[in-house]
Protein backbone atom coordinates (compact mmCIF):
# COMPACT_ATOMS: atom_id res chain seq x y z
CA HIS A 1 0.00 0.00 0.00
CA PHE A 2 2.98 2.35 -0.22
CA PRO A 3 1.84 5.25 -2.44
CA ARG A 4 3.18 5.35 -5.98
CA ARG A 5 2.39 7.98 -8.59
CA MET A 6 2.34 7.64 -12.36
CA THR A 7 2.42 10.84 -14.43
CA VAL A 8 1.03 11.06 -17.96
CA LEU A 9 2.07 13.87 -20.28
CA THR A 10 0.50 14.89 -23.55
CA LEU A 11 3.09 15.80 -26.17
CA ARG A 12 2.70 17.67 -29.39
CA GLY A 13 1.46 15.53 -32.28
CA ARG A 14 -1.18 13.75 -30.18
CA ARG A 15 1.35 11.57 -28.34
CA LEU A 16 1.60 10.41 -24.73
CA ALA A 17 4.59 9.94 -22.47
CA VAL A 18 4.06 7.82 -19.35
CA TRP A 19 6.41 8.50 -16.44
CA SER A 20 6.90 5.70 -13.90
CA ALA A 21 4.24 3.42 -15.37
CA ILE A 22 1.92 1.62 -12.95
CA ALA A 23 -0.36 -1.25 -13.91
CA LEU A 24 -3.99 -0.09 -14.09
CA SER A 25 -7.36 -1.78 -14.30
CA GLU A 26 -8.73 -2.42 -17.78
CA PRO A 27 -11.31 0.43 -17.63
CA GLN A 28 -8.53 2.83 -16.61
CA MET A 29 -6.32 1.62 -19.46
CA ALA A 30 -9.20 2.13 -21.90
CA GLN A 31 -9.66 5.67 -20.62
CA LEU A 32 -5.98 6.37 -21.19
CA GLU A 33 -6.01 4.86 -24.67
CA ALA A 34 -9.01 6.99 -25.64
CA LEU A 35 -6.77 10.07 -25.44
CA VAL A 36 -3.91 9.46 -27.86
CA SER A 37 -1.21 6.87 -28.56
CA VAL A 38 1.30 5.83 -25.92
CA ASP A 39 4.64 6.68 -27.51
CA PHE A 40 7.09 6.83 -24.58
CA LEU A 41 7.55 4.85 -21.39
CA ILE A 42 9.87 6.86 -19.13
CA VAL A 43 11.53 4.92 -16.32
CA PRO A 44 12.88 7.58 -13.96
CA GLY A 45 15.08 5.22 -11.96
CA ALA A 46 16.02 1.56 -11.69
CA SER A 47 13.60 0.87 -8.84
CA HIS A 48 10.64 2.07 -10.94
CA ARG A 49 10.65 -0.68 -13.58
CA LEU A 50 8.19 -2.94 -11.71
CA ASP A 51 5.36 -2.66 -14.25
CA LEU A 52 7.43 -1.79 -17.31
CA LYS A 53 7.33 -5.27 -18.84
CA ALA A 54 3.51 -5.34 -18.86
CA TRP A 55 3.29 -1.86 -20.41
CA LYS A 56 5.86 -2.69 -23.08
CA ARG A 57 3.94 -5.87 -23.91
CA ARG A 58 0.76 -3.81 -24.38
CA TYR A 59 2.50 -1.01 -26.31
CA PRO A 60 5.36 -2.72 -28.17
CA THR A 61 6.14 0.34 -30.31
CA ALA A 62 6.51 2.68 -27.32
CA LYS A 63 10.08 3.86 -26.79
CA VAL A 64 11.60 3.14 -23.39
CA VAL A 65 13.56 6.08 -21.99
CA CYS A 66 15.59 6.12 -18.78
CA PRO A 67 18.63 7.88 -17.27
CA PRO A 68 21.95 6.40 -18.44
CA GLY A 69 22.95 5.12 -15.01
CA ALA A 70 19.78 3.00 -14.83
CA ARG A 71 20.02 1.58 -18.34
CA GLU A 72 21.43 -1.84 -17.40
CA ALA A 73 18.80 -2.46 -14.72
CA VAL A 74 15.90 -1.19 -16.83
CA ALA A 75 17.00 -3.35 -19.77
CA GLU A 76 16.29 -6.41 -17.64
CA ALA A 77 12.58 -5.53 -17.94
CA ALA A 78 12.50 -4.13 -21.49
CA PRO A 79 14.97 -2.94 -24.14
CA VAL A 80 16.01 0.69 -23.63
CA ASP A 81 15.67 2.97 -26.66
CA ALA A 82 17.16 6.20 -25.30
CA THR A 83 18.86 7.76 -22.29
CA THR A 84 18.56 11.35 -23.55
CA ASP A 85 15.71 13.71 -24.42
CA VAL A 86 13.96 12.21 -27.45
CA LEU A 87 10.46 13.46 -26.60
CA ASP A 88 10.51 16.14 -29.33
CA ASP A 89 8.34 18.64 -27.48
CA PRO A 90 9.58 22.19 -26.76
CA THR A 91 7.52 22.36 -23.56
CA VAL A 92 9.03 19.22 -21.99
CA ALA A 93 12.68 18.73 -21.03
CA PHE A 94 13.94 15.29 -20.00
CA GLN A 95 16.99 15.67 -17.76
CA THR A 96 19.44 13.41 -16.00
CA VAL A 97 19.70 14.59 -12.39
CA PRO A 98 23.24 15.75 -11.52
CA GLY A 99 25.07 14.29 -8.57
CA VAL A 100 23.39 10.88 -8.41
CA GLY A 101 25.56 8.82 -10.71
CA ASP A 102 23.20 9.35 -13.66
CA LYS A 103 20.68 7.05 -11.95
CA GLU A 104 17.71 9.45 -11.67
CA ALA A 105 15.76 11.44 -14.26
CA ALA A 106 13.57 14.53 -14.01
CA LEU A 107 11.19 16.40 -16.28
CA VAL A 108 10.66 20.14 -16.52
CA VAL A 109 7.25 20.74 -18.10
CA ARG A 110 6.50 24.34 -19.09
CA ARG A 111 2.82 24.86 -19.86
CA ALA A 112 0.29 27.70 -19.75
CA ASP A 113 -0.72 26.92 -16.15
CA GLY A 114 2.86 27.11 -14.93
CA THR A 115 5.95 24.94 -14.81
CA SER A 116 5.85 21.45 -13.33
CA LEU A 117 8.97 19.73 -12.03
CA VAL A 118 8.53 15.96 -12.16
CA VAL A 119 11.03 14.03 -10.04
CA ASN A 120 11.46 10.51 -8.78
CA ASP A 121 13.20 9.38 -5.61
CA ILE A 122 15.17 12.56 -4.86
CA ILE A 123 12.07 14.10 -3.21
CA ALA A 124 9.23 12.37 -1.36
CA ASN A 125 6.07 13.81 0.19
CA VAL A 126 4.22 10.89 1.76
CA HIS A 127 1.92 12.72 4.17
CA HIS A 128 -0.74 10.02 4.02
CA PRO A 129 0.81 6.53 4.15
CA ASP A 130 -1.91 3.87 3.97
CA GLY A 131 -1.60 0.99 6.40
CA LEU A 132 0.87 0.03 9.12
CA GLY A 133 3.59 -1.16 6.75
CA ALA A 134 3.49 2.04 4.71
CA LYS A 135 3.53 4.18 7.85
CA VAL A 136 6.56 2.37 9.22
CA MET A 137 8.41 2.47 5.89
CA ALA A 138 7.67 6.15 5.31
CA ARG A 139 8.95 7.15 8.73
CA LEU A 140 11.98 4.87 8.91
CA MET A 141 13.24 5.75 5.43
CA GLY A 142 12.42 9.45 5.55
CA PHE A 143 9.77 9.65 2.83
CA GLY A 144 8.51 13.08 3.87
CA VAL A 145 5.78 12.29 6.39
CA LYS A 146 6.02 15.72 8.05
CA GLU A 147 7.35 17.75 5.11
CA PRO A 148 8.83 17.11 1.67
CA GLN A 149 12.36 15.78 1.86
CA MET A 150 14.91 13.57 0.16
CA PRO A 151 14.57 10.05 1.60
CA TRP A 152 17.72 9.31 3.57
CA VAL A 153 17.88 5.82 2.09
CA GLY A 154 18.07 7.33 -1.40
CA GLU A 155 20.67 9.84 -0.34
CA LYS A 156 22.83 7.07 1.11
CA MET A 157 22.38 4.77 -1.90
CA PHE A 158 22.95 7.00 -4.90
CA VAL A 159 24.03 10.55 -4.09
CA LYS A 160 27.64 10.85 -5.28
CA ASP A 161 28.03 14.62 -5.39
CA HIS A 162 25.95 16.53 -2.84
CA ALA A 163 26.99 19.92 -4.17
CA ALA A 164 25.96 19.07 -7.74
CA LEU A 165 22.55 17.81 -6.63
CA ALA A 166 21.99 20.86 -4.43
CA ALA A 167 22.87 23.12 -7.37
CA ALA A 168 20.34 21.32 -9.57
CA LEU A 169 17.61 21.78 -6.96
CA ARG A 170 18.41 25.50 -6.74
CA ALA A 171 18.35 25.81 -10.53
CA TRP A 172 14.88 24.27 -10.63
CA ALA A 173 13.80 26.62 -7.83
CA ALA A 174 14.80 29.52 -10.09
CA GLU A 175 12.34 28.45 -12.80
CA PRO A 176 10.29 31.66 -13.24
CA ALA A 177 6.86 30.02 -13.44
CA LEU A 178 7.40 27.05 -11.11
CA ALA A 179 3.95 25.99 -9.88
CA ARG A 180 4.29 22.42 -8.62
CA ILE A 181 6.59 19.51 -7.92
CA VAL A 182 5.23 16.10 -8.93
CA VAL A 183 6.81 13.26 -6.95
CA SER A 184 6.72 9.50 -7.50
CA HIS A 185 5.83 8.87 -3.85
CA GLY A 186 3.31 11.10 -2.11
CA ASP A 187 1.28 14.22 -2.73
CA VAL A 188 1.97 16.77 -5.44
CA ILE A 189 3.71 19.79 -3.90
CA THR A 190 1.91 23.01 -4.77
CA GLU A 191 2.57 25.08 -1.65
CA ARG A 192 5.75 27.16 -1.93
CA PRO A 193 7.59 24.76 -4.30
CA ARG A 194 10.59 27.10 -4.58
CA GLU A 195 11.09 27.12 -0.83
CA VAL A 196 10.79 23.34 -0.73
CA LEU A 197 13.58 22.96 -3.28
CA GLU A 198 15.78 25.52 -1.56
CA LYS A 199 15.34 23.81 1.83
CA ILE A 200 16.12 20.34 0.47
CA ALA A 201 19.15 21.78 -1.34
CA ALA A 202 20.39 23.29 1.91
CA ASP A 203 19.86 19.98 3.76
CA ILE A 204 21.74 18.01 1.09
CA ALA A 205 24.62 20.48 0.94
CA GLN A 206 25.33 20.20 4.69
């Protein structure tokens, strides 16, 4: 019951990119397919390939995209087509997160309603863990039960350059129209997203 979030982006040319794909019920899949074609399956980190094989089986022509440091692990679930920005949409930027050994990806999505930063395991905001196991896991591993934060387990496992990661967080905070941070675990962060990034950057840089 640990919360996971899948993010779906519409791209120019009536295409869809699915970030951190999660298996859905058949009615939900039909609703998704009624929109446009699924062209990209973005795996933001090695630990988020759980449902990739099922999605690739359903959409065999969809291109699998992941950060370069996760390529070997992701390829165990499905062949990787790209580790760089191949989305071909001027409003969406696929980025490899600095400072984490090329193992995490992020998206900067600039649209009319503001800029969305989509991240994976470098920020968590699990205010509402469901069930005893999720509550214990969220608290023990630092998944942002009280406030958004970088899970300590992630920091210990893949942060190689704290200064580089902190600089990336500050650069995202400087996005002029930043409106929200979409995380893979927990609630979307809409309240003072710049301050959230600055605080996490300061914590990481210590």
